Structures are given as C-alpha cells and as structure tokens.
C-alpha cells in the first residue's frame, strides 16, 4: 500500500483572540481548502519561545508549508531560525499597517 500524501499548511499566529487573526485564519482556510489542503493553526500568545516550538513541531509533522505571523520574526533568534529554513516553504504574513495622512476635506 502506498503512503498517502497529506496536504497540510501550518499557520502560526500571535493571538487567535484578536479579530484580525481570526479573519486571516478563515480566509486562508477557505482558500487552501479549494486546493485540497487542510490548515493546522497554532496560537503563540505573542511568545517567541512558542513561535519556535510550534514551527519545529509543524516541520516534524511534515507540513507542506508554514505561514508565520508572529513576534518571532522581530527577534534575532526568530529571524535566524526562519531564514535557515526558508527553503522549507515559509511565508510571512505582515500585520503592520502604515498610518495614512488625512486627505483634503471637501
């Protein structure tokens, strides 16, 4: 019997209770389901240590890729960790929003 290939993507978020992240999770899941993938969601509570633990566990689980939106990418340790593994299918989700200057009234 041949091995079944799992189509899974890991998603590491800083705080699943934040409405931004819950919206992102739903959007990513509905998109990847169209291609036969499932999503494993990991919440880190903005902990760099948990970011790295979840990333290692997802890689050990054999996920096809990892989407990261965490504080680990702001740390030297986290940047090094993810940079060394970039060839493994990592994507960074940027959560920063630039402040817009108010436009002219009228």
C-alpha atoms as a PDB file:
ATOM      1  CA  UNK A   1       0.000   0.000   0.000  1.00  0.00           C
ATOM      2  CA  UNK A   2       1.428   3.433  -0.936  1.00  0.00           C
ATOM      3  CA  UNK A   3       1.807   6.259   1.528  1.00  0.00           C
ATOM      4  CA  UNK A   4      -0.952   8.852   1.474  1.00  0.00           C
ATOM      5  CA  UNK A   5       0.369  12.340   0.886  1.00  0.00           C
ATOM      6  CA  UNK A   6      -1.000  14.824   3.383  1.00  0.00           C
ATOM      7  CA  UNK A   7      -1.719  18.288   2.110  1.00  0.00           C
ATOM      8  CA  UNK A   8      -1.332  20.473   5.181  1.00  0.00           C
ATOM      9  CA  UNK A   9      -0.235  24.011   5.866  1.00  0.00           C
ATOM     10  CA  UNK A  10       0.754  25.266   9.296  1.00  0.00           C
ATOM     11  CA  UNK A  11      -0.404  28.714  10.337  1.00  0.00           C
ATOM     12  CA  UNK A  12       1.320  30.332  13.318  1.00  0.00           C
ATOM     13  CA  UNK A  13      -0.468  33.374  14.740  1.00  0.00           C
ATOM     14  CA  UNK A  14       0.317  35.587  17.719  1.00  0.00           C
ATOM     15  CA  UNK A  15      -3.165  35.825  19.264  1.00  0.00           C
ATOM     16  CA  UNK A  16      -6.131  33.925  17.867  1.00  0.00           C
ATOM     17  CA  UNK A  17      -8.477  36.027  20.035  1.00  0.00           C
ATOM     18  CA  UNK A  18      -7.545  39.100  18.004  1.00  0.00           C
ATOM     19  CA  UNK A  19     -10.250  39.596  15.374  1.00  0.00           C
ATOM     20  CA  UNK A  20      -7.598  40.313  12.735  1.00  0.00           C
ATOM     21  CA  UNK A  21      -6.121  36.838  13.159  1.00  0.00           C
ATOM     22  CA  UNK A  22      -9.480  35.069  13.247  1.00  0.00           C
ATOM     23  CA  UNK A  23     -10.364  36.754   9.957  1.00  0.00           C
ATOM     24  CA  UNK A  24      -7.000  35.752   8.475  1.00  0.00           C
ATOM     25  CA  UNK A  25      -7.414  32.140   9.599  1.00  0.00           C
ATOM     26  CA  UNK A  26     -10.839  31.897   7.975  1.00  0.00           C
ATOM     27  CA  UNK A  27      -9.600  33.463   4.721  1.00  0.00           C
ATOM     28  CA  UNK A  28      -6.543  31.225   4.472  1.00  0.00           C
ATOM     29  CA  UNK A  29      -8.504  28.102   5.333  1.00  0.00           C
ATOM     30  CA  UNK A  30     -11.266  28.777   2.797  1.00  0.00           C
ATOM     31  CA  UNK A  31      -8.653  29.480   0.109  1.00  0.00           C
ATOM     32  CA  UNK A  32      -6.428  26.439   0.643  1.00  0.00           C
ATOM     33  CA  UNK A  33      -9.401  24.063   1.019  1.00  0.00           C
ATOM     34  CA  UNK A  34     -10.151  24.728  -2.648  1.00  0.00           C
ATOM     35  CA  UNK A  35      -6.812  23.065  -3.451  1.00  0.00           C
ATOM     36  CA  UNK A  36      -7.277  20.111  -1.111  1.00  0.00           C
ATOM     37  CA  UNK A  37      -5.147  21.444   1.765  1.00  0.00           C
ATOM     38  CA  UNK A  38      -6.007  21.484   5.437  1.00  0.00           C
ATOM     39  CA  UNK A  39      -4.740  24.067   7.956  1.00  0.00           C
ATOM     40  CA  UNK A  40      -3.177  23.426  11.339  1.00  0.00           C
ATOM     41  CA  UNK A  41      -3.489  26.623  13.408  1.00  0.00           C
ATOM     42  CA  UNK A  42      -1.028  27.339  16.217  1.00  0.00           C
ATOM     43  CA  UNK A  43      -1.527  30.188  18.688  1.00  0.00           C
ATOM     44  CA  UNK A  44       1.583  31.595  20.400  1.00  0.00           C
ATOM     45  CA  UNK A  45       0.183  34.297  22.698  1.00  0.00           C
ATOM     46  CA  UNK A  46       2.946  36.538  21.297  1.00  0.00           C
ATOM     47  CA  UNK A  47       5.663  34.306  22.788  1.00  0.00           C
ATOM     48  CA  UNK A  48       8.859  33.929  20.756  1.00  0.00           C
ATOM     49  CA  UNK A  49       9.550  30.636  22.507  1.00  0.00           C
ATOM     50  CA  UNK A  50       6.138  29.288  21.457  1.00  0.00           C
ATOM     51  CA  UNK A  51       6.672  30.566  17.896  1.00  0.00           C
ATOM     52  CA  UNK A  52       9.785  28.437  17.575  1.00  0.00           C
ATOM     53  CA  UNK A  53       8.274  25.405  19.344  1.00  0.00           C
ATOM     54  CA  UNK A  54       5.253  25.413  17.024  1.00  0.00           C
ATOM     55  CA  UNK A  55       7.417  25.867  13.920  1.00  0.00           C
ATOM     56  CA  UNK A  56       9.615  22.907  14.880  1.00  0.00           C
ATOM     57  CA  UNK A  57       6.584  20.728  15.624  1.00  0.00           C
ATOM     58  CA  UNK A  58       4.923  21.624  12.323  1.00  0.00           C
ATOM     59  CA  UNK A  59       8.098  20.742  10.426  1.00  0.00           C
ATOM     60  CA  UNK A  60       8.364  17.445  12.312  1.00  0.00           C
ATOM     61  CA  UNK A  61       4.721  16.797  11.416  1.00  0.00           C
ATOM     62  CA  UNK A  62       5.726  17.157   7.756  1.00  0.00           C
ATOM     63  CA  UNK A  63       3.523  20.069   6.738  1.00  0.00           C
ATOM     64  CA  UNK A  64       3.878  21.285   3.174  1.00  0.00           C
ATOM     65  CA  UNK A  65       4.401  24.892   4.221  1.00  0.00           C
ATOM     66  CA  UNK A  66       4.147  27.305   7.127  1.00  0.00           C
ATOM     67  CA  UNK A  67       2.600  30.766   7.190  1.00  0.00           C
ATOM     68  CA  UNK A  68       4.020  32.850  10.031  1.00  0.00           C
ATOM     69  CA  UNK A  69       2.534  35.971  11.580  1.00  0.00           C
ATOM     70  CA  UNK A  70       4.353  36.240  14.856  1.00  0.00           C
ATOM     71  CA  UNK A  71       6.682  38.236  17.035  1.00  0.00           C
ATOM     72  CA  UNK A  72       9.492  35.732  16.398  1.00  0.00           C
ATOM     73  CA  UNK A  73      10.190  37.426  13.098  1.00  0.00           C
ATOM     74  CA  UNK A  74      11.039  40.596  15.032  1.00  0.00           C
ATOM     75  CA  UNK A  75      13.715  38.856  17.118  1.00  0.00           C
ATOM     76  CA  UNK A  76      17.254  37.971  16.102  1.00  0.00           C
ATOM     77  CA  UNK A  77      16.701  34.333  17.147  1.00  0.00           C
ATOM     78  CA  UNK A  78      13.454  34.065  15.224  1.00  0.00           C
ATOM     79  CA  UNK A  79      14.815  35.687  12.077  1.00  0.00           C
ATOM     80  CA  UNK A  80      17.763  33.289  12.074  1.00  0.00           C
ATOM     81  CA  UNK A  81      15.529  30.285  12.667  1.00  0.00           C
ATOM     82  CA  UNK A  82      13.133  31.086   9.843  1.00  0.00           C
ATOM     83  CA  UNK A  83      15.864  32.279   7.458  1.00  0.00           C
ATOM     84  CA  UNK A  84      17.724  28.954   7.770  1.00  0.00           C
ATOM     85  CA  UNK A  85      14.516  27.117   6.950  1.00  0.00           C
ATOM     86  CA  UNK A  86      13.166  29.445   4.246  1.00  0.00           C
ATOM     87  CA  UNK A  87      13.614  26.770   1.602  1.00  0.00           C
ATOM     88  CA  UNK A  88      11.088  24.641   3.506  1.00  0.00           C
ATOM     89  CA  UNK A  89       8.082  26.655   2.323  1.00  0.00           C
ATOM     90  CA  UNK A  90       7.715  29.568   4.714  1.00  0.00           C
ATOM     91  CA  UNK A  91       5.630  32.665   4.124  1.00  0.00           C
ATOM     92  CA  UNK A  92       5.432  35.712   6.369  1.00  0.00           C
ATOM     93  CA  UNK A  93       2.145  37.474   6.963  1.00  0.00           C
ATOM     94  CA  UNK A  94       2.786  41.166   7.628  1.00  0.00           C
ATOM     95  CA  UNK A  95       0.423  42.625  10.193  1.00  0.00           C
ATOM     96  CA  UNK A  96       1.787  46.153  10.306  1.00  0.00           C
ATOM     97  CA  UNK A  97      -0.285  48.969   8.890  1.00  0.00           C
ATOM     98  CA  UNK A  98       1.234  52.282   7.967  1.00  0.00           C
ATOM     99  CA  UNK A  99      -0.517  55.380   9.236  1.00  0.00           C
ATOM    100  CA  UNK A 100      -2.205  57.277   6.469  1.00  0.00           C
ATOM    101  CA  UNK A 101      -2.213  61.048   6.392  1.00  0.00           C
ATOM    102  CA  UNK A 102      -5.696  62.534   6.287  1.00  0.00           C
ATOM    103  CA  UNK A 103      -6.701  63.724   2.853  1.00  0.00           C
ATOM    104  CA  UNK A 104      -8.082  67.157   1.969  1.00  0.00           C
ATOM    105  CA  UNK A 105     -11.590  67.800   3.190  1.00  0.00           C
ATOM    106  CA  UNK A 106     -14.171  68.820   0.730  1.00  0.00           C
END
